[in-house]
Amino acid sequence: MNVMINGAAREVAEGMTVAQAVRSLTESATGVAVAVNDEVVTRSAWETTALRDSDRVEVLTAVQGG
């Protein structure tokens, strides 16, 4: 199935969860936020929220700096 992750088209396995998508992009366990189709997905729902064909996923990570 095809999804857009951070603006890039990706072929992913059927039933991939938000948590799996996040792990494919970052090893960070904190400072990460996710939206699917412009709706924020709470961290507690990542493991149970399955992606569907044509979903738009945005994974944002906090960055320190000055």
PDB file of N, CA and C in Angstrom:
ATOM      1  N   MET A   1       0.853  -1.169   0.000  1.00  0.00           N
ATOM      2  CA  MET A   1       0.000   0.000   0.000  1.00  0.00           C
ATOM      3  C   MET A   1       0.893   1.224   0.000  1.00  0.00           C
ATOM      4  N   ASN A   2       0.404   2.323  -0.517  1.00  0.00           N
ATOM      5  CA  ASN A   2       1.176   3.554  -0.628  1.00  0.00           C
ATOM      6  C   ASN A   2       0.673   4.597   0.355  1.00  0.00           C
ATOM      7  N   VAL A   3       1.608   5.225   1.065  1.00  0.00           N
ATOM      8  CA  VAL A   3       1.297   6.335   1.964  1.00  0.00           C
ATOM      9  C   VAL A   3       2.317   7.437   1.727  1.00  0.00           C
ATOM     10  N   MET A   4       1.982   8.627   2.154  1.00  0.00           N
ATOM     11  CA  MET A   4       2.938   9.746   2.120  1.00  0.00           C
ATOM     12  C   MET A   4       3.447   9.947   3.541  1.00  0.00           C
ATOM     13  N   ILE A   5       4.743   9.858   3.729  1.00  0.00           N
ATOM     14  CA  ILE A   5       5.333  10.094   5.051  1.00  0.00           C
ATOM     15  C   ILE A   5       6.283  11.271   4.916  1.00  0.00           C
ATOM     16  N   ASN A   6       5.965  12.336   5.635  1.00  0.00           N
ATOM     17  CA  ASN A   6       6.745  13.574   5.586  1.00  0.00           C
ATOM     18  C   ASN A   6       6.952  14.040   4.138  1.00  0.00           C
ATOM     19  N   GLY A   7       5.894  13.931   3.344  1.00  0.00           N
ATOM     20  CA  GLY A   7       5.916  14.438   1.983  1.00  0.00           C
ATOM     21  C   GLY A   7       6.512  13.514   0.942  1.00  0.00           C
ATOM     22  N   ALA A   8       6.971  12.347   1.352  1.00  0.00           N
ATOM     23  CA  ALA A   8       7.572  11.395   0.412  1.00  0.00           C
ATOM     24  C   ALA A   8       6.691  10.155   0.286  1.00  0.00           C
ATOM     25  N   ALA A   9       6.443   9.738  -0.946  1.00  0.00           N
ATOM     26  CA  ALA A   9       5.653   8.535  -1.176  1.00  0.00           C
ATOM     27  C   ALA A   9       6.456   7.320  -0.728  1.00  0.00           C
ATOM     28  N   ARG A  10       5.781   6.431   0.000  1.00  0.00           N
ATOM     29  CA  ARG A  10       6.452   5.209   0.465  1.00  0.00           C
ATOM     30  C   ARG A  10       5.524   4.024   0.307  1.00  0.00           C
ATOM     31  N   GLU A  11       6.085   2.923  -0.105  1.00  0.00           N
ATOM     32  CA  GLU A  11       5.368   1.651  -0.170  1.00  0.00           C
ATOM     33  C   GLU A  11       5.572   0.981   1.190  1.00  0.00           C
ATOM     34  N   VAL A  12       4.477   0.682   1.891  1.00  0.00           N
ATOM     35  CA  VAL A  12       4.567   0.065   3.217  1.00  0.00           C
ATOM     36  C   VAL A  12       3.689  -1.176   3.254  1.00  0.00           C
ATOM     37  N   ALA A  13       3.936  -2.013   4.244  1.00  0.00           N
ATOM     38  CA  ALA A  13       3.162  -3.237   4.404  1.00  0.00           C
ATOM     39  C   ALA A  13       1.734  -2.916   4.826  1.00  0.00           C
ATOM     40  N   GLU A  14       0.813  -3.706   4.342  1.00  0.00           N
ATOM     41  CA  GLU A  14      -0.589  -3.584   4.741  1.00  0.00           C
ATOM     42  C   GLU A  14      -0.680  -3.716   6.261  1.00  0.00           C
ATOM     43  N   GLY A  15      -1.427  -2.832   6.897  1.00  0.00           N
ATOM     44  CA  GLY A  15      -1.615  -2.900   8.342  1.00  0.00           C
ATOM     45  C   GLY A  15      -0.519  -2.244   9.163  1.00  0.00           C
ATOM     46  N   MET A  16       0.431  -1.564   8.518  1.00  0.00           N
ATOM     47  CA  MET A  16       1.481  -0.870   9.263  1.00  0.00           C
ATOM     48  C   MET A  16       0.845   0.107  10.242  1.00  0.00           C
ATOM     49  N   THR A  17       1.361   0.153  11.455  1.00  0.00           N
ATOM     50  CA  THR A  17       0.830   1.069  12.460  1.00  0.00           C
ATOM     51  C   THR A  17       1.617   2.371  12.474  1.00  0.00           C
ATOM     52  N   VAL A  18       1.046   3.357  13.129  1.00  0.00           N
ATOM     53  CA  VAL A  18       1.738   4.628  13.311  1.00  0.00           C
ATOM     54  C   VAL A  18       3.057   4.391  14.042  1.00  0.00           C
ATOM     55  N   ALA A  19       3.051   3.540  15.056  1.00  0.00           N
ATOM     56  CA  ALA A  19       4.275   3.260  15.811  1.00  0.00           C
ATOM     57  C   ALA A  19       5.361   2.693  14.901  1.00  0.00           C
ATOM     58  N   GLN A  20       5.009   1.798  14.003  1.00  0.00           N
ATOM     59  CA  GLN A  20       5.986   1.231  13.077  1.00  0.00           C
ATOM     60  C   GLN A  20       6.517   2.294  12.125  1.00  0.00           C
ATOM     61  N   ALA A  21       5.655   3.181  11.676  1.00  0.00           N
ATOM     62  CA  ALA A  21       6.091   4.258  10.790  1.00  0.00           C
ATOM     63  C   ALA A  21       7.085   5.168  11.500  1.00  0.00           C
ATOM     64  N   VAL A  22       6.795   5.497  12.758  1.00  0.00           N
ATOM     65  CA  VAL A  22       7.698   6.350  13.530  1.00  0.00           C
ATOM     66  C   VAL A  22       9.048   5.663  13.696  1.00  0.00           C
ATOM     67  N   ARG A  23       9.046   4.387  14.052  1.00  0.00           N
ATOM     68  CA  ARG A  23      10.307   3.658  14.243  1.00  0.00           C
ATOM     69  C   ARG A  23      11.113   3.567  12.955  1.00  0.00           C
ATOM     70  N   SER A  24      10.442   3.606  11.807  1.00  0.00           N
ATOM     71  CA  SER A  24      11.174   3.538  10.542  1.00  0.00           C
ATOM     72  C   SER A  24      11.902   4.844  10.237  1.00  0.00           C
ATOM     73  N   LEU A  25      11.518   5.926  10.934  1.00  0.00           N
ATOM     74  CA  LEU A  25      12.116   7.233  10.679  1.00  0.00           C
ATOM     75  C   LEU A  25      13.070   7.699  11.760  1.00  0.00           C
ATOM     76  N   THR A  26      12.811   7.334  13.006  1.00  0.00           N
ATOM     77  CA  THR A  26      13.634   7.844  14.103  1.00  0.00           C
ATOM     78  C   THR A  26      13.712   6.821  15.226  1.00  0.00           C
ATOM     79  N   GLU A  27      14.840   6.813  15.905  1.00  0.00           N
ATOM     80  CA  GLU A  27      15.013   5.969  17.077  1.00  0.00           C
ATOM     81  C   GLU A  27      14.612   6.704  18.340  1.00  0.00           C
ATOM     82  N   SER A  28      14.329   7.984  18.220  1.00  0.00           N
ATOM     83  CA  SER A  28      13.985   8.803  19.371  1.00  0.00           C
ATOM     84  C   SER A  28      12.677   8.337  19.998  1.00  0.00           C
ATOM     85  N   ALA A  29      12.682   8.219  21.326  1.00  0.00           N
ATOM     86  CA  ALA A  29      11.471   7.809  22.042  1.00  0.00           C
ATOM     87  C   ALA A  29      10.730   9.009  22.617  1.00  0.00           C
ATOM     88  N   THR A  30      11.353  10.165  22.594  1.00  0.00           N
ATOM     89  CA  THR A  30      10.712  11.362  23.137  1.00  0.00           C
ATOM     90  C   THR A  30      10.803  12.491  22.126  1.00  0.00           C
ATOM     91  N   GLY A  31       9.964  13.493  22.324  1.00  0.00           N
ATOM     92  CA  GLY A  31      10.005  14.661  21.464  1.00  0.00           C
ATOM     93  C   GLY A  31       9.479  14.407  20.067  1.00  0.00           C
ATOM     94  N   VAL A  32       8.576  13.439  19.920  1.00  0.00           N
ATOM     95  CA  VAL A  32       8.026  13.088  18.612  1.00  0.00           C
ATOM     96  C   VAL A  32       6.510  13.300  18.636  1.00  0.00           C
ATOM     97  N   ALA A  33       5.990  13.892  17.574  1.00  0.00           N
ATOM     98  CA  ALA A  33       4.549  14.067  17.407  1.00  0.00           C
ATOM     99  C   ALA A  33       4.165  13.548  16.025  1.00  0.00           C
ATOM    100  N   VAL A  34       2.931  13.026  15.924  1.00  0.00           N
ATOM    101  CA  VAL A  34       2.482  12.441  14.654  1.00  0.00           C
ATOM    102  C   VAL A  34       1.077  12.930  14.330  1.00  0.00           C
ATOM    103  N   ALA A  35       0.879  13.236  13.045  1.00  0.00           N
ATOM    104  CA  ALA A  35      -0.463  13.542  12.532  1.00  0.00           C
ATOM    105  C   ALA A  35      -0.708  12.648  11.321  1.00  0.00           C
ATOM    106  N   VAL A  36      -1.918  12.121  11.222  1.00  0.00           N
ATOM    107  CA  VAL A  36      -2.334  11.334  10.072  1.00  0.00           C
ATOM    108  C   VAL A  36      -3.514  12.050   9.448  1.00  0.00           C
ATOM    109  N   ASN A  37      -3.367  12.419   8.194  1.00  0.00           N
ATOM    110  CA  ASN A  37      -4.413  13.165   7.483  1.00  0.00           C
ATOM    111  C   ASN A  37      -4.834  14.413   8.258  1.00  0.00           C
ATOM    112  N   ASP A  38      -3.834  15.135   8.767  1.00  0.00           N
ATOM    113  CA  ASP A  38      -4.008  16.407   9.477  1.00  0.00           C
ATOM    114  C   ASP A  38      -4.661  16.273  10.851  1.00  0.00           C
ATOM    115  N   GLU A  39      -4.758  15.050  11.389  1.00  0.00           N
ATOM    116  CA  GLU A  39      -5.300  14.826  12.727  1.00  0.00           C
ATOM    117  C   GLU A  39      -4.188  14.275  13.613  1.00  0.00           C
ATOM    118  N   VAL A  40      -3.950  14.929  14.756  1.00  0.00           N
ATOM    119  CA  VAL A  40      -2.923  14.466  15.685  1.00  0.00           C
ATOM    120  C   VAL A  40      -3.310  13.095  16.234  1.00  0.00           C
ATOM    121  N   VAL A  41      -2.331  12.192  16.273  1.00  0.00           N
ATOM    122  CA  VAL A  41      -2.530  10.867  16.859  1.00  0.00           C
ATOM    123  C   VAL A  41      -1.779  10.845  18.185  1.00  0.00           C
ATOM    124  N   THR A  42      -2.496  10.632  19.276  1.00  0.00           N
ATOM    125  CA  THR A  42      -1.847  10.615  20.591  1.00  0.00           C
ATOM    126  C   THR A  42      -0.914   9.422  20.691  1.00  0.00           C
ATOM    127  N   ARG A  43       0.149   9.593  21.455  1.00  0.00           N
ATOM    128  CA  ARG A  43       1.146   8.531  21.605  1.00  0.00           C
ATOM    129  C   ARG A  43       0.492   7.228  22.082  1.00  0.00           C
ATOM    130  N   SER A  44      -0.499   7.313  22.925  1.00  0.00           N
ATOM    131  CA  SER A  44      -1.149   6.095  23.438  1.00  0.00           C
ATOM    132  C   SER A  44      -1.878   5.324  22.340  1.00  0.00           C
ATOM    133  N   ALA A  45      -2.150   5.964  21.209  1.00  0.00           N
ATOM    134  CA  ALA A  45      -2.860   5.307  20.102  1.00  0.00           C
ATOM    135  C   ALA A  45      -1.937   4.849  18.976  1.00  0.00           C
ATOM    136  N   TRP A  46      -0.657   5.127  19.069  1.00  0.00           N
ATOM    137  CA  TRP A  46       0.260   4.796  17.983  1.00  0.00           C
ATOM    138  C   TRP A  46       0.252   3.305  17.653  1.00  0.00           C
ATOM    139  N   GLU A  47       0.297   2.437  18.662  1.00  0.00           N
ATOM    140  CA  GLU A  47       0.388   0.990  18.439  1.00  0.00           C
ATOM    141  C   GLU A  47      -0.885   0.417  17.833  1.00  0.00           C
ATOM    142  N   THR A  48      -2.020   1.066  18.042  1.00  0.00           N
ATOM    143  CA  THR A  48      -3.296   0.513  17.590  1.00  0.00           C
ATOM    144  C   THR A  48      -3.870   1.240  16.375  1.00  0.00           C
ATOM    145  N   THR A  49      -3.199   2.291  15.921  1.00  0.00           N
ATOM    146  CA  THR A  49      -3.684   3.034  14.754  1.00  0.00           C
ATOM    147  C   THR A  49      -2.993   2.516  13.500  1.00  0.00           C
ATOM    148  N   ALA A  50      -3.769   1.805  12.677  1.00  0.00           N
ATOM    149  CA  ALA A  50      -3.230   1.253  11.432  1.00  0.00           C
ATOM    150  C   ALA A  50      -3.356   2.290  10.322  1.00  0.00           C
ATOM    151  N   LEU A  51      -2.343   2.349   9.488  1.00  0.00           N
ATOM    152  CA  LEU A  51      -2.383   3.243   8.329  1.00  0.00           C
ATOM    153  C   LEU A  51      -3.186   2.593   7.212  1.00  0.00           C
ATOM    154  N   ARG A  52      -3.775   3.435   6.380  1.00  0.00           N
ATOM    155  CA  ARG A  52      -4.543   2.962   5.228  1.00  0.00           C
ATOM    156  C   ARG A  52      -3.926   3.527   3.954  1.00  0.00           C
ATOM    157  N   ASP A  53      -4.240   2.896   2.847  1.00  0.00           N
ATOM    158  CA  ASP A  53      -3.733   3.342   1.561  1.00  0.00           C
ATOM    159  C   ASP A  53      -4.047   4.821   1.358  1.00  0.00           C
ATOM    160  N   SER A  54      -3.077   5.560   0.892  1.00  0.00           N
ATOM    161  CA  SER A  54      -3.171   6.996   0.586  1.00  0.00           C
ATOM    162  C   SER A  54      -3.175   7.909   1.800  1.00  0.00           C
ATOM    163  N   ASP A  55      -2.941   7.375   3.018  1.00  0.00           N
ATOM    164  CA  ASP A  55      -2.841   8.244   4.197  1.00  0.00           C
ATOM    165  C   ASP A  55      -1.656   9.189   4.044  1.00  0.00           C
ATOM    166  N   ARG A  56      -1.793  10.365   4.652  1.00  0.00           N
ATOM    167  CA  ARG A  56      -0.710  11.349   4.724  1.00  0.00           C
ATOM    168  C   ARG A  56      -0.242  11.403   6.171  1.00  0.00           C
ATOM    169  N   VAL A  57       1.009  11.047   6.405  1.00  0.00           N
ATOM    170  CA  VAL A  57       1.568  10.964   7.748  1.00  0.00           C
ATOM    171  C   VAL A  57       2.659  12.015   7.891  1.00  0.00           C
ATOM    172  N   GLU A  58       2.584  12.778   8.958  1.00  0.00           N
ATOM    173  CA  GLU A  58       3.646  13.747   9.281  1.00  0.00           C
ATOM    174  C   GLU A  58       4.230  13.354  10.633  1.00  0.00           C
ATOM    175  N   VAL A  59       5.528  13.099  10.660  1.00  0.00           N
ATOM    176  CA  VAL A  59       6.240  12.764  11.892  1.00  0.00           C
ATOM    177  C   VAL A  59       7.181  13.927  12.184  1.00  0.00           C
ATOM    178  N   LEU A  60       6.954  14.570  13.312  1.00  0.00           N
ATOM    179  CA  LEU A  60       7.735  15.751  13.690  1.00  0.00           C
ATOM    180  C   LEU A  60       8.576  15.421  14.927  1.00  0.00           C
ATOM    181  N   THR A  61       9.835  15.826  14.893  1.00  0.00           N
ATOM    182  CA  THR A  61      10.709  15.615  16.046  1.00  0.00           C
ATOM    183  C   THR A  61      11.210  16.951  16.552  1.00  0.00           C
ATOM    184  N   ALA A  62      11.266  17.067  17.861  1.00  0.00           N
ATOM    185  CA  ALA A  62      11.781  18.283  18.488  1.00  0.00           C
ATOM    186  C   ALA A  62      13.290  18.326  18.325  1.00  0.00           C
ATOM    187  N   VAL A  63      13.818  19.518  18.081  1.00  0.00           N
ATOM    188  CA  VAL A  63      15.249  19.703  17.888  1.00  0.00           C
ATOM    189  C   VAL A  63      15.714  20.814  18.822  1.00  0.00           C
ATOM    190  N   GLN A  64      16.789  20.538  19.559  1.00  0.00           N
ATOM    191  CA  GLN A  64      17.348  21.576  20.422  1.00  0.00           C
ATOM    192  C   GLN A  64      18.366  22.384  19.648  1.00  0.00           C
ATOM    193  N   GLY A  65      18.514  23.596  20.044  1.00  0.00           N
ATOM    194  CA  GLY A  65      19.509  24.426  19.388  1.00  0.00           C
ATOM    195  C   GLY A  65      19.343  25.880  19.789  1.00  0.00           C
ATOM    196  N   GLY A  66      20.121  26.688  19.230  1.00  0.00           N
ATOM    197  CA  GLY A  66      20.024  28.070  19.614  1.00  0.00           C
ATOM    198  C   GLY A  66      20.455  29.005  18.526  1.00  0.00           C
TER     199      GLY A  66
END
